[in-house]
């Protein structure tokens, strides 16, 4: 059973996920299961948010002459980026840079800043 803090963590991740471009309108039970696992592993919300920002920037700010990418079907899509950022954190300020760049290109909604964890 999850406590209130865990539930808030999971809900925040899932809210961010479904608010991203190219993601489903509702999370699946597998998405929820992965969010719970990230909580259990104590992955900081800032790392998850950074992975969402980085993936969105890579998907949406790529060469427009390339074929469009298929929609994201699962939260698992972001897991390699989460692992990459855990292994080699992004430079300080880079998530803010990505968030601002996505906003300037009118790619909404971008995830709201996470409280550092």
N, C-alpha and C. Protein backbone atom coordinates (compact mmCIF):
# COMPACT_ATOMS: atom_id res chain seq x y z
N UNK A 1 0.84 -1.19 0.00
CA UNK A 1 0.00 0.00 0.00
C UNK A 1 0.89 1.25 0.00
N UNK A 2 0.51 2.25 -0.77
CA UNK A 2 1.31 3.47 -0.86
C UNK A 2 0.84 4.47 0.19
N UNK A 3 1.81 5.22 0.74
CA UNK A 3 1.44 6.30 1.64
C UNK A 3 1.10 7.53 0.81
N UNK A 4 0.68 8.60 1.50
CA UNK A 4 0.24 9.81 0.79
C UNK A 4 1.37 10.43 -0.02
N UNK A 5 2.60 10.45 0.53
CA UNK A 5 3.72 11.01 -0.22
C UNK A 5 4.00 10.21 -1.48
N UNK A 6 3.96 8.89 -1.37
CA UNK A 6 4.19 8.02 -2.53
C UNK A 6 3.12 8.23 -3.58
N UNK A 7 1.88 8.33 -3.12
CA UNK A 7 0.77 8.54 -4.04
C UNK A 7 0.93 9.87 -4.78
N UNK A 8 1.35 10.91 -4.07
CA UNK A 8 1.57 12.22 -4.70
C UNK A 8 2.69 12.16 -5.73
N UNK A 9 3.74 11.41 -5.44
CA UNK A 9 4.86 11.24 -6.36
C UNK A 9 4.37 10.55 -7.64
N UNK A 10 3.66 9.46 -7.48
CA UNK A 10 3.15 8.70 -8.63
C UNK A 10 2.19 9.55 -9.44
N UNK A 11 1.27 10.22 -8.77
CA UNK A 11 0.30 11.06 -9.48
C UNK A 11 0.99 12.18 -10.26
N UNK A 12 2.03 12.78 -9.68
CA UNK A 12 2.75 13.87 -10.36
C UNK A 12 3.40 13.35 -11.64
N UNK A 13 4.08 12.21 -11.54
CA UNK A 13 4.73 11.63 -12.72
C UNK A 13 3.69 11.33 -13.80
N UNK A 14 2.59 10.72 -13.42
CA UNK A 14 1.57 10.35 -14.40
C UNK A 14 0.89 11.59 -14.99
N UNK A 15 0.68 12.62 -14.19
CA UNK A 15 0.11 13.87 -14.71
C UNK A 15 1.05 14.51 -15.72
N UNK A 16 2.34 14.57 -15.39
CA UNK A 16 3.31 15.11 -16.33
C UNK A 16 3.30 14.30 -17.62
N UNK A 17 3.33 12.99 -17.47
CA UNK A 17 3.42 12.08 -18.62
C UNK A 17 2.26 12.30 -19.59
N UNK A 18 1.03 12.30 -19.10
CA UNK A 18 -0.11 12.45 -20.01
C UNK A 18 -0.24 13.88 -20.54
N UNK A 19 0.44 14.83 -19.91
CA UNK A 19 0.42 16.21 -20.39
C UNK A 19 1.44 16.50 -21.48
N UNK A 20 2.33 15.56 -21.73
CA UNK A 20 3.35 15.75 -22.75
C UNK A 20 2.76 15.56 -24.15
N UNK A 21 3.37 16.19 -25.16
CA UNK A 21 2.93 15.93 -26.53
C UNK A 21 3.20 14.48 -26.89
N UNK A 22 2.37 13.92 -27.70
CA UNK A 22 2.57 12.57 -28.25
C UNK A 22 2.42 11.44 -27.25
N UNK A 23 1.81 11.70 -26.10
CA UNK A 23 1.59 10.63 -25.12
C UNK A 23 0.09 10.36 -25.01
N UNK A 24 -0.27 9.19 -24.47
CA UNK A 24 -1.70 8.88 -24.32
C UNK A 24 -2.41 9.89 -23.40
N UNK A 25 -3.72 9.95 -23.54
CA UNK A 25 -4.52 10.85 -22.72
C UNK A 25 -4.67 10.33 -21.29
N UNK A 26 -4.52 9.01 -21.12
CA UNK A 26 -4.63 8.39 -19.80
C UNK A 26 -3.47 7.41 -19.62
N UNK A 27 -2.92 7.34 -18.41
CA UNK A 27 -1.86 6.36 -18.18
C UNK A 27 -2.46 4.95 -18.08
N UNK A 28 -1.68 3.99 -18.47
CA UNK A 28 -2.11 2.59 -18.34
C UNK A 28 -1.72 2.06 -16.96
N UNK A 29 -2.19 0.87 -16.65
CA UNK A 29 -1.79 0.27 -15.37
C UNK A 29 -0.30 -0.02 -15.36
N UNK A 30 0.28 -0.25 -16.54
CA UNK A 30 1.73 -0.48 -16.62
C UNK A 30 2.51 0.81 -16.38
N UNK A 31 1.94 1.92 -16.83
CA UNK A 31 2.55 3.23 -16.54
C UNK A 31 2.54 3.48 -15.04
N UNK A 32 1.41 3.20 -14.41
CA UNK A 32 1.29 3.38 -12.94
C UNK A 32 2.28 2.47 -12.23
N UNK A 33 2.40 1.24 -12.69
CA UNK A 33 3.32 0.29 -12.06
C UNK A 33 4.76 0.80 -12.15
N UNK A 34 5.14 1.36 -13.30
CA UNK A 34 6.49 1.90 -13.44
C UNK A 34 6.68 3.13 -12.55
N UNK A 35 5.68 4.01 -12.47
CA UNK A 35 5.78 5.18 -11.60
C UNK A 35 5.95 4.75 -10.14
N UNK A 36 5.25 3.71 -9.73
CA UNK A 36 5.40 3.18 -8.37
C UNK A 36 6.81 2.63 -8.18
N UNK A 37 7.33 1.96 -9.18
CA UNK A 37 8.69 1.43 -9.11
C UNK A 37 9.72 2.56 -9.00
N UNK A 38 9.53 3.63 -9.77
CA UNK A 38 10.43 4.78 -9.68
C UNK A 38 10.38 5.39 -8.27
N UNK A 39 9.20 5.44 -7.70
CA UNK A 39 9.03 5.93 -6.33
C UNK A 39 9.76 5.01 -5.36
N UNK A 40 9.57 3.73 -5.49
CA UNK A 40 10.23 2.74 -4.62
C UNK A 40 11.74 2.88 -4.70
N UNK A 41 12.24 3.15 -5.91
CA UNK A 41 13.69 3.33 -6.11
C UNK A 41 14.17 4.71 -5.67
N UNK A 42 13.24 5.57 -5.29
CA UNK A 42 13.53 6.94 -4.84
C UNK A 42 14.23 7.76 -5.93
N UNK A 43 13.77 7.59 -7.16
CA UNK A 43 14.28 8.41 -8.26
C UNK A 43 13.73 9.82 -8.06
N UNK A 44 14.59 10.81 -7.96
CA UNK A 44 14.10 12.18 -7.73
C UNK A 44 13.16 12.65 -8.85
N UNK A 45 12.12 13.37 -8.46
CA UNK A 45 11.19 13.92 -9.45
C UNK A 45 11.92 14.79 -10.46
N UNK A 46 12.94 15.50 -10.01
CA UNK A 46 13.70 16.35 -10.93
C UNK A 46 14.34 15.54 -12.04
N UNK A 47 14.75 14.31 -11.75
CA UNK A 47 15.35 13.45 -12.78
C UNK A 47 14.28 13.01 -13.78
N UNK A 48 13.11 12.65 -13.28
CA UNK A 48 12.01 12.24 -14.17
C UNK A 48 11.61 13.41 -15.06
N UNK A 49 11.47 14.58 -14.45
CA UNK A 49 11.10 15.76 -15.23
C UNK A 49 12.16 16.05 -16.29
N UNK A 50 13.42 15.95 -15.93
CA UNK A 50 14.50 16.19 -16.89
C UNK A 50 14.42 15.23 -18.06
N UNK A 51 14.11 13.97 -17.78
CA UNK A 51 13.96 12.98 -18.85
C UNK A 51 12.80 13.35 -19.76
N UNK A 52 11.69 13.80 -19.19
CA UNK A 52 10.55 14.22 -20.00
C UNK A 52 10.93 15.42 -20.88
N UNK A 53 11.61 16.39 -20.29
CA UNK A 53 12.01 17.58 -21.05
C UNK A 53 12.97 17.21 -22.17
N UNK A 54 13.97 16.40 -21.87
CA UNK A 54 14.96 16.02 -22.86
C UNK A 54 14.33 15.22 -24.00
N UNK A 55 13.49 14.27 -23.67
CA UNK A 55 12.84 13.47 -24.71
C UNK A 55 11.92 14.33 -25.57
N UNK A 56 11.17 15.23 -24.94
CA UNK A 56 10.27 16.10 -25.69
C UNK A 56 11.07 17.00 -26.63
N UNK A 57 12.16 17.56 -26.14
CA UNK A 57 13.00 18.41 -26.99
C UNK A 57 13.58 17.61 -28.15
N UNK A 58 14.07 16.41 -27.88
CA UNK A 58 14.64 15.59 -28.95
C UNK A 58 13.59 15.22 -29.99
N UNK A 59 12.37 14.96 -29.54
CA UNK A 59 11.30 14.55 -30.46
C UNK A 59 10.76 15.74 -31.25
N UNK A 60 10.54 16.86 -30.58
CA UNK A 60 9.83 17.97 -31.19
C UNK A 60 10.71 19.00 -31.88
N UNK A 61 11.98 19.05 -31.53
CA UNK A 61 12.86 20.06 -32.10
C UNK A 61 13.85 19.45 -33.09
N UNK A 62 13.49 18.32 -33.64
CA UNK A 62 14.37 17.67 -34.61
C UNK A 62 14.10 18.22 -36.00
N UNK A 63 14.94 17.86 -36.93
CA UNK A 63 14.85 18.34 -38.31
C UNK A 63 13.44 18.08 -38.86
N UNK A 64 12.72 19.13 -39.26
CA UNK A 64 11.35 18.95 -39.73
C UNK A 64 11.25 18.19 -41.06
N UNK A 65 12.37 18.04 -41.76
CA UNK A 65 12.32 17.28 -43.02
C UNK A 65 12.30 15.76 -42.76
N UNK A 66 12.58 15.35 -41.52
CA UNK A 66 12.54 13.92 -41.19
C UNK A 66 11.09 13.48 -40.99
N UNK A 67 10.86 12.21 -41.19
CA UNK A 67 9.52 11.65 -40.99
C UNK A 67 9.12 11.82 -39.52
N UNK A 68 7.84 12.08 -39.28
CA UNK A 68 7.39 12.23 -37.89
C UNK A 68 7.59 10.92 -37.11
N UNK A 69 7.86 11.07 -35.84
CA UNK A 69 8.01 9.90 -34.97
C UNK A 69 6.63 9.40 -34.54
N UNK A 70 6.51 8.11 -34.27
CA UNK A 70 5.22 7.59 -33.80
C UNK A 70 4.94 8.10 -32.38
N UNK A 71 3.69 8.06 -31.97
CA UNK A 71 3.35 8.50 -30.61
C UNK A 71 4.06 7.64 -29.56
N UNK A 72 4.24 8.23 -28.40
CA UNK A 72 4.77 7.49 -27.25
C UNK A 72 3.61 6.69 -26.67
N UNK A 73 3.80 5.42 -26.47
CA UNK A 73 2.70 4.57 -26.00
C UNK A 73 2.83 4.15 -24.55
N UNK A 74 4.00 4.43 -23.94
CA UNK A 74 4.22 3.95 -22.59
C UNK A 74 5.21 4.83 -21.85
N UNK A 75 5.03 4.94 -20.56
CA UNK A 75 5.99 5.63 -19.70
C UNK A 75 7.36 4.97 -19.81
N UNK A 76 7.39 3.69 -20.14
CA UNK A 76 8.66 2.96 -20.29
C UNK A 76 9.55 3.58 -21.36
N UNK A 77 8.98 4.31 -22.30
CA UNK A 77 9.75 4.99 -23.34
C UNK A 77 10.83 5.88 -22.70
N UNK A 78 10.51 6.48 -21.55
CA UNK A 78 11.41 7.44 -20.91
C UNK A 78 12.43 6.78 -19.99
N UNK A 79 12.28 5.49 -19.72
CA UNK A 79 13.15 4.82 -18.76
C UNK A 79 14.64 4.88 -19.14
N UNK A 80 15.02 4.66 -20.42
CA UNK A 80 16.44 4.78 -20.75
C UNK A 80 17.01 6.18 -20.46
N UNK A 81 16.22 7.22 -20.70
CA UNK A 81 16.67 8.58 -20.39
C UNK A 81 16.78 8.81 -18.88
N UNK A 82 15.84 8.27 -18.13
CA UNK A 82 15.91 8.37 -16.67
C UNK A 82 17.20 7.72 -16.18
N UNK A 83 17.50 6.53 -16.69
CA UNK A 83 18.72 5.82 -16.29
C UNK A 83 19.96 6.60 -16.73
N UNK A 84 19.92 7.17 -17.92
CA UNK A 84 21.05 7.96 -18.42
C UNK A 84 21.32 9.17 -17.52
N UNK A 85 20.26 9.85 -17.11
CA UNK A 85 20.41 11.04 -16.27
C UNK A 85 20.85 10.66 -14.86
N UNK A 86 20.39 9.52 -14.36
CA UNK A 86 20.86 9.05 -13.06
C UNK A 86 22.36 8.76 -13.10
N UNK A 87 22.82 8.18 -14.21
CA UNK A 87 24.24 7.82 -14.36
C UNK A 87 25.11 9.05 -14.61
N UNK A 88 24.58 9.99 -15.37
CA UNK A 88 25.34 11.20 -15.72
C UNK A 88 24.38 12.39 -15.68
N UNK A 89 24.23 13.02 -14.50
CA UNK A 89 23.27 14.12 -14.37
C UNK A 89 23.50 15.23 -15.40
N UNK A 90 22.40 15.85 -15.80
CA UNK A 90 22.47 16.98 -16.72
C UNK A 90 23.18 18.15 -16.03
N UNK A 91 23.85 19.00 -16.81
CA UNK A 91 24.48 20.17 -16.21
C UNK A 91 23.45 21.05 -15.50
N UNK A 92 23.90 21.69 -14.44
CA UNK A 92 23.02 22.60 -13.68
C UNK A 92 22.43 23.64 -14.64
N UNK A 93 21.14 23.84 -14.55
CA UNK A 93 20.47 24.83 -15.39
C UNK A 93 19.99 24.30 -16.73
N UNK A 94 20.45 23.13 -17.14
CA UNK A 94 20.05 22.61 -18.45
C UNK A 94 18.55 22.29 -18.52
N UNK A 95 17.95 21.69 -17.47
CA UNK A 95 16.49 21.50 -17.53
C UNK A 95 15.73 22.81 -17.71
N UNK A 96 16.18 23.88 -17.04
CA UNK A 96 15.53 25.19 -17.21
C UNK A 96 15.67 25.68 -18.64
N UNK A 97 16.85 25.48 -19.21
CA UNK A 97 17.09 25.84 -20.62
C UNK A 97 16.12 25.09 -21.54
N UNK A 98 16.00 23.78 -21.32
CA UNK A 98 15.09 22.97 -22.16
C UNK A 98 13.64 23.43 -22.00
N UNK A 99 13.24 23.68 -20.75
CA UNK A 99 11.86 24.11 -20.49
C UNK A 99 11.59 25.43 -21.22
N UNK A 100 12.52 26.37 -21.13
CA UNK A 100 12.34 27.66 -21.80
C UNK A 100 12.32 27.51 -23.32
N UNK A 101 13.19 26.66 -23.84
CA UNK A 101 13.23 26.44 -25.29
C UNK A 101 11.91 25.83 -25.79
N UNK A 102 11.39 24.86 -25.06
CA UNK A 102 10.11 24.25 -25.45
C UNK A 102 8.98 25.28 -25.39
N UNK A 103 8.99 26.11 -24.38
CA UNK A 103 7.96 27.16 -24.27
C UNK A 103 8.07 28.16 -25.42
N UNK A 104 9.29 28.53 -25.78
CA UNK A 104 9.48 29.47 -26.89
C UNK A 104 8.98 28.90 -28.22
N UNK A 105 9.01 27.58 -28.35
CA UNK A 105 8.53 26.92 -29.56
C UNK A 105 7.05 26.50 -29.43
N UNK A 106 6.42 26.98 -28.36
CA UNK A 106 4.99 26.72 -28.13
C UNK A 106 4.68 25.22 -28.07
N UNK A 107 5.57 24.50 -27.43
CA UNK A 107 5.34 23.07 -27.22
C UNK A 107 4.83 22.92 -25.80
N UNK A 108 3.51 22.83 -25.71
CA UNK A 108 2.85 22.78 -24.41
C UNK A 108 2.01 21.53 -24.30
N UNK A 109 1.68 21.14 -23.08
CA UNK A 109 2.23 21.71 -21.86
C UNK A 109 3.59 21.09 -21.56
N UNK A 110 4.48 21.89 -21.11
CA UNK A 110 5.77 21.37 -20.62
C UNK A 110 5.61 21.08 -19.14
N UNK A 111 6.30 20.07 -18.62
CA UNK A 111 6.17 19.78 -17.19
C UNK A 111 6.53 20.99 -16.34
N UNK A 112 5.84 21.12 -15.22
CA UNK A 112 6.15 22.18 -14.28
C UNK A 112 7.39 21.77 -13.50
N UNK A 113 8.14 22.75 -12.98
CA UNK A 113 9.35 22.42 -12.25
C UNK A 113 9.07 21.50 -11.06
N UNK A 114 9.95 20.57 -10.84
CA UNK A 114 9.85 19.66 -9.69
C UNK A 114 10.53 20.30 -8.50
N UNK A 115 10.05 19.95 -7.32
CA UNK A 115 10.78 20.33 -6.12
C UNK A 115 11.99 19.44 -6.05
N UNK A 116 13.18 19.98 -5.82
CA UNK A 116 14.37 19.13 -5.75
C UNK A 116 14.19 18.05 -4.70
N UNK A 117 14.54 16.83 -5.06
CA UNK A 117 14.41 15.70 -4.14
C UNK A 117 15.73 15.01 -4.00
